[in-house]
C-alpha atoms as a PDB file:
ATOM      1  CA  MET A   1       8.835  27.316 -11.998  1.00  0.00           C
ATOM      2  CA  GLN A   2       5.775  29.384 -12.754  1.00  0.00           C
ATOM      3  CA  THR A   3       2.193  28.567 -13.595  1.00  0.00           C
ATOM      4  CA  GLN A   4      -0.746  30.705 -14.632  1.00  0.00           C
ATOM      5  CA  VAL A   5      -4.189  31.115 -13.091  1.00  0.00           C
ATOM      6  CA  LYS A   6      -6.855  30.272 -15.689  1.00  0.00           C
ATOM      7  CA  THR A   7     -10.640  30.339 -15.789  1.00  0.00           C
ATOM      8  CA  TRP A   8     -12.188  26.916 -15.209  1.00  0.00           C
ATOM      9  CA  GLY A   9     -15.981  27.101 -15.466  1.00  0.00           C
ATOM     10  CA  ASN A  10     -17.159  29.628 -12.862  1.00  0.00           C
ATOM     11  CA  SER A  11     -13.913  29.218 -10.886  1.00  0.00           C
ATOM     12  CA  GLN A  12     -10.224  29.656 -11.469  1.00  0.00           C
ATOM     13  CA  GLY A  13      -7.589  26.954 -11.472  1.00  0.00           C
ATOM     14  CA  ILE A  14      -3.907  26.259 -11.927  1.00  0.00           C
ATOM     15  CA  ARG A  15      -2.114  23.313 -13.490  1.00  0.00           C
ATOM     16  CA  ILE A  16       0.583  21.674 -11.432  1.00  0.00           C
ATOM     17  CA  PRO A  17       3.315  19.878 -13.399  1.00  0.00           C
ATOM     18  CA  LYS A  18       3.609  16.114 -12.942  1.00  0.00           C
ATOM     19  CA  GLU A  19       7.166  16.432 -11.577  1.00  0.00           C
ATOM     20  CA  ILE A  20       5.974  18.719  -8.780  1.00  0.00           C
ATOM     21  CA  LEU A  21       3.110  16.368  -7.883  1.00  0.00           C
ATOM     22  CA  LYS A  22       5.475  13.404  -7.832  1.00  0.00           C
ATOM     23  CA  GLU A  23       7.938  15.226  -5.585  1.00  0.00           C
ATOM     24  CA  ALA A  24       5.070  16.130  -3.211  1.00  0.00           C
ATOM     25  CA  ASP A  25       3.648  12.559  -3.338  1.00  0.00           C
ATOM     26  CA  VAL A  26       0.313  13.874  -4.630  1.00  0.00           C
ATOM     27  CA  SER A  27      -1.766  11.849  -7.095  1.00  0.00           C
ATOM     28  CA  VAL A  28      -4.754  12.673  -9.281  1.00  0.00           C
ATOM     29  CA  ASP A  29      -7.958  12.854  -7.178  1.00  0.00           C
ATOM     30  CA  ASP A  30      -6.029  13.258  -3.879  1.00  0.00           C
ATOM     31  CA  MET A  31      -7.658  15.713  -1.488  1.00  0.00           C
ATOM     32  CA  LEU A  32      -5.580  18.708  -0.410  1.00  0.00           C
ATOM     33  CA  ASP A  33      -6.112  21.251   2.351  1.00  0.00           C
ATOM     34  CA  ILE A  34      -5.785  24.849   1.140  1.00  0.00           C
ATOM     35  CA  LYS A  35      -5.078  27.855   3.328  1.00  0.00           C
ATOM     36  CA  VAL A  36      -3.851  31.394   2.901  1.00  0.00           C
ATOM     37  CA  THR A  37      -1.351  32.978   5.298  1.00  0.00           C
ATOM     38  CA  ASN A  38       0.020  36.471   4.714  1.00  0.00           C
ATOM     39  CA  GLY A  39      -0.996  36.336   1.047  1.00  0.00           C
ATOM     40  CA  ILE A  40       0.690  32.944   0.499  1.00  0.00           C
ATOM     41  CA  ILE A  41      -1.506  30.119  -0.831  1.00  0.00           C
ATOM     42  CA  MET A  42      -0.509  26.758   0.664  1.00  0.00           C
ATOM     43  CA  LEU A  43      -1.698  23.325  -0.425  1.00  0.00           C
ATOM     44  CA  GLU A  44      -1.126  20.510   2.056  1.00  0.00           C
ATOM     45  CA  LYS A  45      -1.825  16.818   1.838  1.00  0.00           C
ATOM     46  CA  PRO A  46      -3.836  16.021   4.987  1.00  0.00           C
ATOM     47  CA  TYR A  47      -2.591  13.300   7.301  1.00  0.00           C
ATOM     48  CA  ARG A  48      -4.602  10.130   6.883  1.00  0.00           C
ATOM     49  CA  HIS A  49      -4.528   7.284   9.358  1.00  0.00           C
ATOM     50  CA  ARG A  50      -3.726   3.998   7.664  1.00  0.00           C
ATOM     51  CA  THR A  51      -6.074   1.050   8.051  1.00  0.00           C
ATOM     52  CA  LEU A  52      -5.021  -2.141   9.771  1.00  0.00           C
ATOM     53  CA  GLU A  53      -4.884  -3.832   6.370  1.00  0.00           C
ATOM     54  CA  GLU A  54      -2.541  -1.120   5.019  1.00  0.00           C
ATOM     55  CA  ARG A  55      -0.278  -1.493   8.035  1.00  0.00           C
ATOM     56  CA  ALA A  56      -0.269  -5.301   7.730  1.00  0.00           C
ATOM     57  CA  ALA A  57       0.702  -5.018   4.051  1.00  0.00           C
ATOM     58  CA  GLU A  58       3.984  -3.420   5.161  1.00  0.00           C
ATOM     59  CA  TYR A  59       4.803  -6.711   6.902  1.00  0.00           C
ATOM     60  CA  GLY A  60       3.797  -9.009   4.072  1.00  0.00           C
ATOM     61  CA  GLY A  61       0.225  -9.211   5.352  1.00  0.00           C
ATOM     62  CA  ARG A  62       1.267 -10.738   8.695  1.00  0.00           C
ATOM     63  CA  LEU A  63       1.260  -8.660  11.881  1.00  0.00           C
ATOM     64  CA  LYS A  64       2.877 -11.299  14.136  1.00  0.00           C
ATOM     65  CA  LEU A  65       0.450 -10.749  16.990  1.00  0.00           C
ATOM     66  CA  ASP A  66       0.765 -14.285  18.305  1.00  0.00           C
ATOM     67  CA  GLY A  67       2.359 -15.003  21.652  1.00  0.00           C
ATOM     68  CA  GLU A  68       2.690 -12.923  24.776  1.00  0.00           C
ATOM     69  CA  PHE A  69       4.476  -9.655  25.342  1.00  0.00           C
ATOM     70  CA  ASP A  70       6.522  -8.981  28.465  1.00  0.00           C
ATOM     71  CA  TRP A  71       5.556  -5.565  29.802  1.00  0.00           C
ATOM     72  CA  GLY A  72       8.027  -5.824  32.702  1.00  0.00           C
ATOM     73  CA  GLU A  73       7.289  -5.578  36.386  1.00  0.00           C
ATOM     74  CA  PRO A  74       4.348  -3.568  37.714  1.00  0.00           C
ATOM     75  CA  ALA A  75       5.123   0.077  38.479  1.00  0.00           C
ATOM     76  CA  GLY A  76       3.269   2.186  41.020  1.00  0.00           C
ATOM     77  CA  ARG A  77      -0.210   0.835  41.833  1.00  0.00           C
ATOM     78  CA  GLU A  78      -0.523  -1.394  38.732  1.00  0.00           C
ATOM     79  CA  ILE A  79      -1.794  -4.891  39.390  1.00  0.00           C
ATOM     80  CA  TRP A  80      -1.683  -7.893  37.075  1.00  0.00           C
END
């Protein structure tokens, strides 16, 4: 698939087809990192840490943090 560089105000821009954006999981207004290596322009979606609320939503809003966790027996000089 090809696209064309066009003038956009005092800059230049390209249009990226919706199918390509969907495949790359990129939405309108997403921020992208841009870099050039050996004449190749690369756009990358930066890694973003999810909030606690976003992580909890994956579990129906409940993190199940109640109760104790068995870490096993102490190893080395650990004391508890």
